[in-house]
Amino acid sequence: MKLLERLESIRGDQEFARIHEMYDVVDLYRSLSSVDGYPMVNLSMLSKMPRDGFEFTSFDWSVTEDFGVTIALGVSVKGGKIRNVAHGLGHVLKGFRVIEVAPVDVKTGNFIIRFERI
């Protein structure tokens, strides 16, 4: 019982909390520094591509636990050609492959296309 009380007091200690936050920052730094080709570069490539029949609604990227990179693009497609759009985006995002095309609202043509770095 005393050990449990001691652990709880350590967990509530401000110094312990600061050290834990520092480790979180170091982990984030390691994750981001291991990423080749900062994902924002991909955003600039996407902004220059022709958008015939679709438009972007969101852009999100993350670093996975194994230091891989995933990108999720929200798109609104006119004419229901989501596979063509996903294929075209796959060519623009060199070094990434499509892992999922998920409908958000099929009636409005909104989808999320997820990519992962190869």
PDB file of N, CA and C in Angstrom:
ATOM      1  N   MET A   1       0.817  -1.188   0.000  1.00  0.00           N
ATOM      2  CA  MET A   1       0.000   0.000   0.000  1.00  0.00           C
ATOM      3  C   MET A   1       0.868   1.261   0.000  1.00  0.00           C
ATOM      4  N   LYS A   2       1.982   1.229   0.729  1.00  0.00           N
ATOM      5  CA  LYS A   2       2.856   2.392   0.785  1.00  0.00           C
ATOM      6  C   LYS A   2       3.493   2.665  -0.574  1.00  0.00           C
ATOM      7  N   LEU A   3       3.815   1.619  -1.305  1.00  0.00           N
ATOM      8  CA  LEU A   3       4.404   1.786  -2.628  1.00  0.00           C
ATOM      9  C   LEU A   3       3.425   2.486  -3.559  1.00  0.00           C
ATOM     10  N   LEU A   4       2.178   2.082  -3.517  1.00  0.00           N
ATOM     11  CA  LEU A   4       1.152   2.710  -4.346  1.00  0.00           C
ATOM     12  C   LEU A   4       0.998   4.185  -3.994  1.00  0.00           C
ATOM     13  N   GLU A   5       0.991   4.503  -2.717  1.00  0.00           N
ATOM     14  CA  GLU A   5       0.889   5.903  -2.290  1.00  0.00           C
ATOM     15  C   GLU A   5       2.096   6.700  -2.766  1.00  0.00           C
ATOM     16  N   ARG A   6       3.263   6.101  -2.689  1.00  0.00           N
ATOM     17  CA  ARG A   6       4.491   6.779  -3.136  1.00  0.00           C
ATOM     18  C   ARG A   6       4.450   7.037  -4.646  1.00  0.00           C
ATOM     19  N   LEU A   7       4.007   6.049  -5.408  1.00  0.00           N
ATOM     20  CA  LEU A   7       3.891   6.226  -6.858  1.00  0.00           C
ATOM     21  C   LEU A   7       2.895   7.324  -7.203  1.00  0.00           C
ATOM     22  N   GLU A   8       1.782   7.370  -6.498  1.00  0.00           N
ATOM     23  CA  GLU A   8       0.792   8.413  -6.750  1.00  0.00           C
ATOM     24  C   GLU A   8       1.339   9.791  -6.405  1.00  0.00           C
ATOM     25  N   SER A   9       2.138   9.891  -5.343  1.00  0.00           N
ATOM     26  CA  SER A   9       2.720  11.190  -4.994  1.00  0.00           C
ATOM     27  C   SER A   9       3.756  11.614  -6.030  1.00  0.00           C
ATOM     28  N   ILE A  10       4.509  10.648  -6.561  1.00  0.00           N
ATOM     29  CA  ILE A  10       5.475  10.971  -7.617  1.00  0.00           C
ATOM     30  C   ILE A  10       4.749  11.429  -8.871  1.00  0.00           C
ATOM     31  N   ARG A  11       3.684  10.741  -9.227  1.00  0.00           N
ATOM     32  CA  ARG A  11       2.921  11.087 -10.422  1.00  0.00           C
ATOM     33  C   ARG A  11       2.346  12.500 -10.316  1.00  0.00           C
ATOM     34  N   GLY A  12       1.979  12.922  -9.130  1.00  0.00           N
ATOM     35  CA  GLY A  12       1.415  14.257  -8.921  1.00  0.00           C
ATOM     36  C   GLY A  12       2.468  15.340  -8.779  1.00  0.00           C
ATOM     37  N   ASP A  13       3.732  14.963  -8.685  1.00  0.00           N
ATOM     38  CA  ASP A  13       4.818  15.915  -8.514  1.00  0.00           C
ATOM     39  C   ASP A  13       4.994  16.744  -9.785  1.00  0.00           C
ATOM     40  N   GLN A  14       5.149  18.068  -9.619  1.00  0.00           N
ATOM     41  CA  GLN A  14       5.290  18.953 -10.778  1.00  0.00           C
ATOM     42  C   GLN A  14       6.581  18.687 -11.539  1.00  0.00           C
ATOM     43  N   GLU A  15       7.641  18.387 -10.821  1.00  0.00           N
ATOM     44  CA  GLU A  15       8.913  18.104 -11.484  1.00  0.00           C
ATOM     45  C   GLU A  15       8.789  16.863 -12.372  1.00  0.00           C
ATOM     46  N   PHE A  16       8.119  15.843 -11.869  1.00  0.00           N
ATOM     47  CA  PHE A  16       7.877  14.635 -12.655  1.00  0.00           C
ATOM     48  C   PHE A  16       7.066  14.975 -13.899  1.00  0.00           C
ATOM     49  N   ALA A  17       6.047  15.820 -13.747  1.00  0.00           N
ATOM     50  CA  ALA A  17       5.210  16.212 -14.888  1.00  0.00           C
ATOM     51  C   ALA A  17       6.037  16.962 -15.924  1.00  0.00           C
ATOM     52  N   ARG A  18       6.931  17.844 -15.487  1.00  0.00           N
ATOM     53  CA  ARG A  18       7.776  18.588 -16.435  1.00  0.00           C
ATOM     54  C   ARG A  18       8.708  17.647 -17.188  1.00  0.00           C
ATOM     55  N   ILE A  19       9.288  16.695 -16.472  1.00  0.00           N
ATOM     56  CA  ILE A  19      10.178  15.728 -17.126  1.00  0.00           C
ATOM     57  C   ILE A  19       9.400  14.900 -18.142  1.00  0.00           C
ATOM     58  N   HIS A  20       8.206  14.490 -17.795  1.00  0.00           N
ATOM     59  CA  HIS A  20       7.357  13.726 -18.715  1.00  0.00           C
ATOM     60  C   HIS A  20       7.046  14.556 -19.967  1.00  0.00           C
ATOM     61  N   GLU A  21       6.752  15.844 -19.789  1.00  0.00           N
ATOM     62  CA  GLU A  21       6.489  16.723 -20.934  1.00  0.00           C
ATOM     63  C   GLU A  21       7.731  16.866 -21.798  1.00  0.00           C
ATOM     64  N   MET A  22       8.909  16.951 -21.170  1.00  0.00           N
ATOM     65  CA  MET A  22      10.147  17.059 -21.943  1.00  0.00           C
ATOM     66  C   MET A  22      10.359  15.806 -22.789  1.00  0.00           C
ATOM     67  N   TYR A  23      10.077  14.645 -22.225  1.00  0.00           N
ATOM     68  CA  TYR A  23      10.200  13.412 -23.001  1.00  0.00           C
ATOM     69  C   TYR A  23       9.218  13.410 -24.171  1.00  0.00           C
ATOM     70  N   ASP A  24       8.026  13.937 -23.978  1.00  0.00           N
ATOM     71  CA  ASP A  24       7.060  14.041 -25.073  1.00  0.00           C
ATOM     72  C   ASP A  24       7.605  14.922 -26.187  1.00  0.00           C
ATOM     73  N   VAL A  25       8.231  16.043 -25.819  1.00  0.00           N
ATOM     74  CA  VAL A  25       8.810  16.948 -26.815  1.00  0.00           C
ATOM     75  C   VAL A  25       9.954  16.268 -27.551  1.00  0.00           C
ATOM     76  N   VAL A  26      10.807  15.560 -26.825  1.00  0.00           N
ATOM     77  CA  VAL A  26      11.918  14.843 -27.455  1.00  0.00           C
ATOM     78  C   VAL A  26      11.389  13.781 -28.415  1.00  0.00           C
ATOM     79  N   ASP A  27      10.365  13.045 -28.010  1.00  0.00           N
ATOM     80  CA  ASP A  27       9.765  12.041 -28.895  1.00  0.00           C
ATOM     81  C   ASP A  27       9.203  12.682 -30.148  1.00  0.00           C
ATOM     82  N   LEU A  28       8.539  13.834 -30.002  1.00  0.00           N
ATOM     83  CA  LEU A  28       8.000  14.541 -31.163  1.00  0.00           C
ATOM     84  C   LEU A  28       9.130  14.995 -32.076  1.00  0.00           C
ATOM     85  N   TYR A  29      10.201  15.540 -31.507  1.00  0.00           N
ATOM     86  CA  TYR A  29      11.346  15.969 -32.301  1.00  0.00           C
ATOM     87  C   TYR A  29      11.941  14.794 -33.073  1.00  0.00           C
ATOM     88  N   ARG A  30      12.112  13.666 -32.405  1.00  0.00           N
ATOM     89  CA  ARG A  30      12.651  12.480 -33.088  1.00  0.00           C
ATOM     90  C   ARG A  30      11.742  12.043 -34.229  1.00  0.00           C
ATOM     91  N   SER A  31      10.462  12.080 -33.986  1.00  0.00           N
ATOM     92  CA  SER A  31       9.509  11.685 -35.025  1.00  0.00           C
ATOM     93  C   SER A  31       9.620  12.601 -36.228  1.00  0.00           C
ATOM     94  N   LEU A  32       9.619  13.903 -35.977  1.00  0.00           N
ATOM     95  CA  LEU A  32       9.650  14.854 -37.087  1.00  0.00           C
ATOM     96  C   LEU A  32      10.999  14.875 -37.786  1.00  0.00           C
ATOM     97  N   SER A  33      12.090  14.702 -37.053  1.00  0.00           N
ATOM     98  CA  SER A  33      13.408  14.735 -37.688  1.00  0.00           C
ATOM     99  C   SER A  33      13.668  13.481 -38.508  1.00  0.00           C
ATOM    100  N   SER A  34      12.932  12.420 -38.269  1.00  0.00           N
ATOM    101  CA  SER A  34      13.124  11.195 -39.045  1.00  0.00           C
ATOM    102  C   SER A  34      12.342  11.215 -40.351  1.00  0.00           C
ATOM    103  N   VAL A  35      11.535  12.236 -40.535  1.00  0.00           N
ATOM    104  CA  VAL A  35      10.677  12.311 -41.709  1.00  0.00           C
ATOM    105  C   VAL A  35      11.472  12.878 -42.872  1.00  0.00           C
ATOM    106  N   ASP A  36      11.596  12.104 -43.932  1.00  0.00           N
ATOM    107  CA  ASP A  36      12.216  12.604 -45.155  1.00  0.00           C
ATOM    108  C   ASP A  36      11.172  13.371 -45.935  1.00  0.00           C
ATOM    109  N   GLY A  37      11.567  14.464 -46.499  1.00  0.00           N
ATOM    110  CA  GLY A  37      10.628  15.212 -47.329  1.00  0.00           C
ATOM    111  C   GLY A  37       9.440  15.697 -46.525  1.00  0.00           C
ATOM    112  N   TYR A  38       9.607  16.783 -45.846  1.00  0.00           N
ATOM    113  CA  TYR A  38       8.571  17.368 -45.005  1.00  0.00           C
ATOM    114  C   TYR A  38       7.236  17.375 -45.743  1.00  0.00           C
ATOM    115  N   PRO A  39       6.167  16.881 -45.143  1.00  0.00           N
ATOM    116  CA  PRO A  39       4.878  16.756 -45.830  1.00  0.00           C
ATOM    117  C   PRO A  39       4.302  18.062 -46.370  1.00  0.00           C
ATOM    118  N   MET A  40       4.736  19.197 -45.849  1.00  0.00           N
ATOM    119  CA  MET A  40       4.226  20.464 -46.374  1.00  0.00           C
ATOM    120  C   MET A  40       4.697  20.692 -47.812  1.00  0.00           C
ATOM    121  N   VAL A  41       5.805  20.075 -48.192  1.00  0.00           N
ATOM    122  CA  VAL A  41       6.250  20.143 -49.587  1.00  0.00           C
ATOM    123  C   VAL A  41       5.180  19.523 -50.477  1.00  0.00           C
ATOM    124  N   ASN A  42       4.585  18.431 -50.005  1.00  0.00           N
ATOM    125  CA  ASN A  42       3.512  17.790 -50.761  1.00  0.00           C
ATOM    126  C   ASN A  42       2.314  18.715 -50.906  1.00  0.00           C
ATOM    127  N   LEU A  43       2.059  19.507 -49.884  1.00  0.00           N
ATOM    128  CA  LEU A  43       0.953  20.458 -49.949  1.00  0.00           C
ATOM    129  C   LEU A  43       1.182  21.472 -51.062  1.00  0.00           C
ATOM    130  N   SER A  44       2.409  21.938 -51.225  1.00  0.00           N
ATOM    131  CA  SER A  44       2.686  22.897 -52.296  1.00  0.00           C
ATOM    132  C   SER A  44       2.531  22.239 -53.666  1.00  0.00           C
ATOM    133  N   MET A  45       2.911  20.958 -53.786  1.00  0.00           N
ATOM    134  CA  MET A  45       2.723  20.254 -55.060  1.00  0.00           C
ATOM    135  C   MET A  45       1.235  20.097 -55.366  1.00  0.00           C
ATOM    136  N   LEU A  46       0.456  19.786 -54.341  1.00  0.00           N
ATOM    137  CA  LEU A  46      -0.986  19.617 -54.538  1.00  0.00           C
ATOM    138  C   LEU A  46      -1.654  20.921 -54.937  1.00  0.00           C
ATOM    139  N   SER A  47      -1.156  22.031 -54.410  1.00  0.00           N
ATOM    140  CA  SER A  47      -1.783  23.316 -54.726  1.00  0.00           C
ATOM    141  C   SER A  47      -1.561  23.714 -56.180  1.00  0.00           C
ATOM    142  N   LYS A  48      -0.517  23.181 -56.805  1.00  0.00           N
ATOM    143  CA  LYS A  48      -0.206  23.529 -58.194  1.00  0.00           C
ATOM    144  C   LYS A  48      -0.866  22.615 -59.216  1.00  0.00           C
ATOM    145  N   MET A  49      -1.418  21.489 -58.772  1.00  0.00           N
ATOM    146  CA  MET A  49      -1.990  20.544 -59.732  1.00  0.00           C
ATOM    147  C   MET A  49      -3.365  21.009 -60.211  1.00  0.00           C
ATOM    148  N   PRO A  50      -3.720  20.672 -61.451  1.00  0.00           N
ATOM    149  CA  PRO A  50      -5.061  21.026 -61.942  1.00  0.00           C
ATOM    150  C   PRO A  50      -6.127  20.233 -61.191  1.00  0.00           C
ATOM    151  N   ARG A  51      -7.199  20.910 -60.844  1.00  0.00           N
ATOM    152  CA  ARG A  51      -8.276  20.257 -60.092  1.00  0.00           C
ATOM    153  C   ARG A  51      -9.539  20.220 -60.941  1.00  0.00           C
ATOM    154  N   ASP A  52      -9.517  19.357 -61.924  1.00  0.00           N
ATOM    155  CA  ASP A  52     -10.677  19.191 -62.793  1.00  0.00           C
ATOM    156  C   ASP A  52     -11.665  18.233 -62.138  1.00  0.00           C
ATOM    157  N   GLY A  53     -12.816  18.733 -61.743  1.00  0.00           N
ATOM    158  CA  GLY A  53     -13.867  17.883 -61.198  1.00  0.00           C
ATOM    159  C   GLY A  53     -13.775  17.603 -59.713  1.00  0.00           C
ATOM    160  N   PHE A  54     -12.850  18.235 -59.009  1.00  0.00           N
ATOM    161  CA  PHE A  54     -12.775  18.044 -57.558  1.00  0.00           C
ATOM    162  C   PHE A  54     -12.100  19.252 -56.918  1.00  0.00           C
ATOM    163  N   GLU A  55     -12.264  19.362 -55.611  1.00  0.00           N
ATOM    164  CA  GLU A  55     -11.539  20.380 -54.856  1.00  0.00           C
ATOM    165  C   GLU A  55     -11.136  19.805 -53.500  1.00  0.00           C
ATOM    166  N   PHE A  56     -10.085  20.361 -52.939  1.00  0.00           N
ATOM    167  CA  PHE A  56      -9.616  19.909 -51.632  1.00  0.00           C
ATOM    168  C   PHE A  56     -10.451  20.548 -50.533  1.00  0.00           C
ATOM    169  N   THR A  57     -10.750  19.755 -49.515  1.00  0.00           N
ATOM    170  CA  THR A  57     -11.482  20.283 -48.364  1.00  0.00           C
ATOM    171  C   THR A  57     -10.649  20.233 -47.086  1.00  0.00           C
ATOM    172  N   SER A  58      -9.622  19.379 -47.048  1.00  0.00           N
ATOM    173  CA  SER A  58      -8.761  19.319 -45.860  1.00  0.00           C
ATOM    174  C   SER A  58      -7.438  18.639 -46.193  1.00  0.00           C
ATOM    175  N   PHE A  59      -6.459  18.891 -45.343  1.00  0.00           N
ATOM    176  CA  PHE A  59      -5.132  18.277 -45.459  1.00  0.00           C
ATOM    177  C   PHE A  59      -4.659  17.972 -44.049  1.00  0.00           C
ATOM    178  N   ASP A  60      -4.277  16.726 -43.796  1.00  0.00           N
ATOM    179  CA  ASP A  60      -3.793  16.333 -42.482  1.00  0.00           C
ATOM    180  C   ASP A  60      -2.645  15.358 -42.677  1.00  0.00           C
ATOM    181  N   TRP A  61      -1.630  15.467 -41.864  1.00  0.00           N
ATOM    182  CA  TRP A  61      -0.542  14.496 -41.926  1.00  0.00           C
ATOM    183  C   TRP A  61      -0.140  14.121 -40.513  1.00  0.00           C
ATOM    184  N   SER A  62       0.435  12.933 -40.383  1.00  0.00           N
ATOM    185  CA  SER A  62       0.867  12.481 -39.066  1.00  0.00           C
ATOM    186  C   SER A  62       2.049  11.534 -39.209  1.00  0.00           C
ATOM    187  N   VAL A  63       2.750  11.363 -38.108  1.00  0.00           N
ATOM    188  CA  VAL A  63       3.872  10.437 -38.040  1.00  0.00           C
ATOM    189  C   VAL A  63       3.415   9.250 -37.202  1.00  0.00           C
ATOM    190  N   THR A  64       3.565   8.055 -37.743  1.00  0.00           N
ATOM    191  CA  THR A  64       3.136   6.852 -37.033  1.00  0.00           C
ATOM    192  C   THR A  64       4.196   6.433 -36.013  1.00  0.00           C
ATOM    193  N   GLU A  65       3.858   5.467 -35.180  1.00  0.00           N
ATOM    194  CA  GLU A  65       4.788   5.000 -34.144  1.00  0.00           C
ATOM    195  C   GLU A  65       6.083   4.444 -34.721  1.00  0.00           C
ATOM    196  N   ASP A  66       6.018   3.884 -35.928  1.00  0.00           N
ATOM    197  CA  ASP A  66       7.227   3.349 -36.557  1.00  0.00           C
ATOM    198  C   ASP A  66       7.884   4.384 -37.472  1.00  0.00           C
ATOM    199  N   PHE A  67       7.574   5.670 -37.244  1.00  0.00           N
ATOM    200  CA  PHE A  67       8.144   6.814 -37.949  1.00  0.00           C
ATOM    201  C   PHE A  67       7.789   6.863 -39.426  1.00  0.00           C
ATOM    202  N   GLY A  68       6.688   6.247 -39.802  1.00  0.00           N
ATOM    203  CA  GLY A  68       6.160   6.396 -41.145  1.00  0.00           C
ATOM    204  C   GLY A  68       5.322   7.669 -41.213  1.00  0.00           C
ATOM    205  N   VAL A  69       5.022   8.094 -42.392  1.00  0.00           N
ATOM    206  CA  VAL A  69       4.225   9.304 -42.581  1.00  0.00           C
ATOM    207  C   VAL A  69       2.930   8.936 -43.285  1.00  0.00           C
ATOM    208  N   THR A  70       1.825   9.462 -42.791  1.00  0.00           N
ATOM    209  CA  THR A  70       0.542   9.298 -43.470  1.00  0.00           C
ATOM    210  C   THR A  70      -0.022  10.674 -43.775  1.00  0.00           C
ATOM    211  N   ILE A  71      -0.705  10.760 -44.890  1.00  0.00           N
ATOM    212  CA  ILE A  71      -1.374  11.992 -45.307  1.00  0.00           C
ATOM    213  C   ILE A  71      -2.836  11.649 -45.554  1.00  0.00           C
ATOM    214  N   ALA A  72      -3.722  12.496 -45.065  1.00  0.00           N
ATOM    215  CA  ALA A  72      -5.158  12.334 -45.315  1.00  0.00           C
ATOM    216  C   ALA A  72      -5.645  13.592 -46.015  1.00  0.00           C
ATOM    217  N   LEU A  73      -6.190  13.414 -47.208  1.00  0.00           N
ATOM    218  CA  LEU A  73      -6.723  14.535 -47.982  1.00  0.00           C
ATOM    219  C   LEU A  73      -8.236  14.444 -48.027  1.00  0.00           C
ATOM    220  N   GLY A  74      -8.882  15.526 -47.683  1.00  0.00           N
ATOM    221  CA  GLY A  74     -10.320  15.613 -47.868  1.00  0.00           C
ATOM    222  C   GLY A  74     -10.583  16.173 -49.256  1.00  0.00           C
ATOM    223  N   VAL A  75     -11.428  15.525 -50.027  1.00  0.00           N
ATOM    224  CA  VAL A  75     -11.752  16.004 -51.371  1.00  0.00           C
ATOM    225  C   VAL A  75     -13.262  15.983 -51.572  1.00  0.00           C
ATOM    226  N   SER A  76     -13.703  16.934 -52.356  1.00  0.00           N
ATOM    227  CA  SER A  76     -15.094  16.974 -52.780  1.00  0.00           C
ATOM    228  C   SER A  76     -15.092  16.738 -54.286  1.00  0.00           C
ATOM    229  N   VAL A  77     -15.687  15.632 -54.703  1.00  0.00           N
ATOM    230  CA  VAL A  77     -15.618  15.197 -56.097  1.00  0.00           C
ATOM    231  C   VAL A  77     -16.946  15.461 -56.788  1.00  0.00           C
ATOM    232  N   LYS A  78     -16.856  16.053 -57.969  1.00  0.00           N
ATOM    233  CA  LYS A  78     -18.048  16.258 -58.788  1.00  0.00           C
ATOM    234  C   LYS A  78     -18.054  15.189 -59.875  1.00  0.00           C
ATOM    235  N   GLY A  79     -19.151  14.538 -60.080  1.00  0.00           N
ATOM    236  CA  GLY A  79     -19.238  13.540 -61.141  1.00  0.00           C
ATOM    237  C   GLY A  79     -18.911  12.130 -60.694  1.00  0.00           C
ATOM    238  N   GLY A  80     -18.609  11.912 -59.438  1.00  0.00           N
ATOM    239  CA  GLY A  80     -18.431  10.565 -58.906  1.00  0.00           C
ATOM    240  C   GLY A  80     -17.218   9.812 -59.395  1.00  0.00           C
ATOM    241  N   LYS A  81     -16.152  10.487 -59.792  1.00  0.00           N
ATOM    242  CA  LYS A  81     -14.961   9.799 -60.292  1.00  0.00           C
ATOM    243  C   LYS A  81     -13.870   9.777 -59.226  1.00  0.00           C
ATOM    244  N   ILE A  82     -14.213   9.295 -58.054  1.00  0.00           N
ATOM    245  CA  ILE A  82     -13.275   9.305 -56.929  1.00  0.00           C
ATOM    246  C   ILE A  82     -12.047   8.447 -57.197  1.00  0.00           C
ATOM    247  N   ARG A  83     -12.203   7.322 -57.869  1.00  0.00           N
ATOM    248  CA  ARG A  83     -11.046   6.451 -58.156  1.00  0.00           C
ATOM    249  C   ARG A  83     -10.047   7.169 -59.063  1.00  0.00           C
ATOM    250  N   ASN A  84     -10.555   7.901 -60.061  1.00  0.00           N
ATOM    251  CA  ASN A  84      -9.664   8.659 -60.945  1.00  0.00           C
ATOM    252  C   ASN A  84      -8.923   9.744 -60.169  1.00  0.00           C
ATOM    253  N   VAL A  85      -9.645  10.410 -59.262  1.00  0.00           N
ATOM    254  CA  VAL A  85      -9.026  11.460 -58.453  1.00  0.00           C
ATOM    255  C   VAL A  85      -7.949  10.855 -57.554  1.00  0.00           C
ATOM    256  N   ALA A  86      -8.254   9.753 -56.888  1.00  0.00           N
ATOM    257  CA  ALA A  86      -7.285   9.095 -56.005  1.00  0.00           C
ATOM    258  C   ALA A  86      -6.053   8.654 -56.791  1.00  0.00           C
ATOM    259  N   HIS A  87      -6.262   8.117 -57.982  1.00  0.00           N
ATOM    260  CA  HIS A  87      -5.151   7.679 -58.828  1.00  0.00           C
ATOM    261  C   HIS A  87      -4.286   8.876 -59.224  1.00  0.00           C
ATOM    262  N   GLY A  88      -4.921   9.970 -59.630  1.00  0.00           N
ATOM    263  CA  GLY A  88      -4.182  11.167 -60.024  1.00  0.00           C
ATOM    264  C   GLY A  88      -3.383  11.764 -58.873  1.00  0.00           C
ATOM    265  N   LEU A  89      -3.985  11.774 -57.691  1.00  0.00           N
ATOM    266  CA  LEU A  89      -3.273  12.296 -56.523  1.00  0.00           C
ATOM    267  C   LEU A  89      -2.092  11.405 -56.161  1.00  0.00           C
ATOM    268  N   GLY A  90      -2.246  10.107 -56.385  1.00  0.00           N
ATOM    269  CA  GLY A  90      -1.151   9.178 -56.132  1.00  0.00           C
ATOM    270  C   GLY A  90       0.060   9.468 -56.999  1.00  0.00           C
ATOM    271  N   HIS A  91      -0.170   9.960 -58.225  1.00  0.00           N
ATOM    272  CA  HIS A  91       0.941  10.322 -59.115  1.00  0.00           C
ATOM    273  C   HIS A  91       1.620  11.601 -58.656  1.00  0.00           C
ATOM    274  N   VAL A  92       0.847  12.534 -58.120  1.00  0.00           N
ATOM    275  CA  VAL A  92       1.416  13.801 -57.660  1.00  0.00           C
ATOM    276  C   VAL A  92       2.228  13.597 -56.380  1.00  0.00           C
ATOM    277  N   LEU A  93       1.719  12.778 -55.480  1.00  0.00           N
ATOM    278  CA  LEU A  93       2.413  12.514 -54.217  1.00  0.00           C
ATOM    279  C   LEU A  93       3.385  11.357 -54.405  1.00  0.00           C
ATOM    280  N   LYS A  94       4.476  11.628 -55.073  1.00  0.00           N
ATOM    281  CA  LYS A  94       5.467  10.589 -55.347  1.00  0.00           C
ATOM    282  C   LYS A  94       6.047  10.085 -54.023  1.00  0.00           C
ATOM    283  N   GLY A  95       6.220   8.779 -53.930  1.00  0.00           N
ATOM    284  CA  GLY A  95       6.728   8.187 -52.706  1.00  0.00           C
ATOM    285  C   GLY A  95       5.632   7.811 -51.719  1.00  0.00           C
ATOM    286  N   PHE A  96       4.376   8.049 -52.107  1.00  0.00           N
ATOM    287  CA  PHE A  96       3.238   7.680 -51.270  1.00  0.00           C
ATOM    288  C   PHE A  96       2.319   6.774 -52.072  1.00  0.00           C
ATOM    289  N   ARG A  97       1.545   5.958 -51.363  1.00  0.00           N
ATOM    290  CA  ARG A  97       0.546   5.133 -52.038  1.00  0.00           C
ATOM    291  C   ARG A  97      -0.786   5.290 -51.323  1.00  0.00           C
ATOM    292  N   VAL A  98      -1.855   5.131 -52.084  1.00  0.00           N
ATOM    293  CA  VAL A  98      -3.205   5.219 -51.529  1.00  0.00           C
ATOM    294  C   VAL A  98      -3.459   3.979 -50.680  1.00  0.00           C
ATOM    295  N   ILE A  99      -3.885   4.180 -49.437  1.00  0.00           N
ATOM    296  CA  ILE A  99      -4.209   3.034 -48.584  1.00  0.00           C
ATOM    297  C   ILE A  99      -5.699   2.954 -48.280  1.00  0.00           C
ATOM    298  N   GLU A 100      -6.419   4.052 -48.500  1.00  0.00           N
ATOM    299  CA  GLU A 100      -7.850   4.031 -48.200  1.00  0.00           C
ATOM    300  C   GLU A 100      -8.544   5.192 -48.903  1.00  0.00           C
ATOM    301  N   VAL A 101      -9.722   4.903 -49.419  1.00  0.00           N
ATOM    302  CA  VAL A 101     -10.627   5.935 -49.926  1.00  0.00           C
ATOM    303  C   VAL A 101     -11.923   5.748 -49.151  1.00  0.00           C
ATOM    304  N   ALA A 102     -12.199   6.677 -48.248  1.00  0.00           N
ATOM    305  CA  ALA A 102     -13.345   6.529 -47.350  1.00  0.00           C
ATOM    306  C   ALA A 102     -14.379   7.617 -47.624  1.00  0.00           C
ATOM    307  N   PRO A 103     -15.622   7.225 -47.847  1.00  0.00           N
ATOM    308  CA  PRO A 103     -16.666   8.229 -48.059  1.00  0.00           C
ATOM    309  C   PRO A 103     -17.004   8.950 -46.754  1.00  0.00           C
ATOM    310  N   VAL A 104     -17.147  10.265 -46.854  1.00  0.00           N
ATOM    311  CA  VAL A 104     -17.629  11.065 -45.729  1.00  0.00           C
ATOM    312  C   VAL A 104     -19.115  11.303 -45.925  1.00  0.00           C
ATOM    313  N   ASP A 105     -19.454  11.736 -47.145  1.00  0.00           N
ATOM    314  CA  ASP A 105     -20.857  11.947 -47.525  1.00  0.00           C
ATOM    315  C   ASP A 105     -20.950  11.722 -49.032  1.00  0.00           C
ATOM    316  N   VAL A 106     -21.418  10.559 -49.419  1.00  0.00           N
ATOM    317  CA  VAL A 106     -21.449  10.181 -50.834  1.00  0.00           C
ATOM    318  C   VAL A 106     -22.360  11.106 -51.637  1.00  0.00           C
ATOM    319  N   LYS A 107     -23.459  11.551 -51.048  1.00  0.00           N
ATOM    320  CA  LYS A 107     -24.395  12.424 -51.768  1.00  0.00           C
ATOM    321  C   LYS A 107     -23.738  13.721 -52.211  1.00  0.00           C
ATOM    322  N   THR A 108     -22.886  14.285 -51.357  1.00  0.00           N
ATOM    323  CA  THR A 108     -22.211  15.536 -51.714  1.00  0.00           C
ATOM    324  C   THR A 108     -20.867  15.294 -52.383  1.00  0.00           C
ATOM    325  N   GLY A 109     -20.439  14.035 -52.461  1.00  0.00           N
ATOM    326  CA  GLY A 109     -19.175  13.705 -53.113  1.00  0.00           C
ATOM    327  C   GLY A 109     -17.957  13.959 -52.245  1.00  0.00           C
ATOM    328  N   ASN A 110     -18.117  13.967 -50.930  1.00  0.00           N
ATOM    329  CA  ASN A 110     -16.989  14.219 -50.027  1.00  0.00           C
ATOM    330  C   ASN A 110     -16.347  12.907 -49.586  1.00  0.00           C
ATOM    331  N   PHE A 111     -15.037  12.850 -49.733  1.00  0.00           N
ATOM    332  CA  PHE A 111     -14.266  11.659 -49.404  1.00  0.00           C
ATOM    333  C   PHE A 111     -12.991  12.048 -48.669  1.00  0.00           C
ATOM    334  N   ILE A 112     -12.434  11.092 -47.953  1.00  0.00           N
ATOM    335  CA  ILE A 112     -11.093  11.214 -47.379  1.00  0.00           C
ATOM    336  C   ILE A 112     -10.227  10.171 -48.077  1.00  0.00           C
ATOM    337  N   ILE A 113      -9.107  10.621 -48.625  1.00  0.00           N
ATOM    338  CA  ILE A 113      -8.157   9.715 -49.275  1.00  0.00           C
ATOM    339  C   ILE A 113      -6.912   9.683 -48.397  1.00  0.00           C
ATOM    340  N   ARG A 114      -6.542   8.487 -47.944  1.00  0.00           N
ATOM    341  CA  ARG A 114      -5.381   8.341 -47.067  1.00  0.00           C
ATOM    342  C   ARG A 114      -4.214   7.733 -47.846  1.00  0.00           C
ATOM    343  N   PHE A 115      -3.045   8.306 -47.616  1.00  0.00           N
ATOM    344  CA  PHE A 115      -1.813   7.857 -48.254  1.00  0.00           C
ATOM    345  C   PHE A 115      -0.809   7.501 -47.172  1.00  0.00           C
ATOM    346  N   GLU A 116       0.102   6.581 -47.510  1.00  0.00           N
ATOM    347  CA  GLU A 116       1.223   6.320 -46.615  1.00  0.00           C
ATOM    348  C   GLU A 116       2.499   6.340 -47.433  1.00  0.00           C
ATOM    349  N   ARG A 117       3.576   6.730 -46.762  1.00  0.00           N
ATOM    350  CA  ARG A 117       4.865   6.784 -47.449  1.00  0.00           C
ATOM    351  C   ARG A 117       5.345   5.367 -47.706  1.00  0.00           C
ATOM    352  N   ILE A 118       5.855   5.157 -48.897  1.00  0.00           N
ATOM    353  CA  ILE A 118       6.345   3.831 -49.305  1.00  0.00           C
ATOM    354  C   ILE A 118       7.756   3.643 -48.788  1.00  0.00           C
TER     355      ILE A 118
END
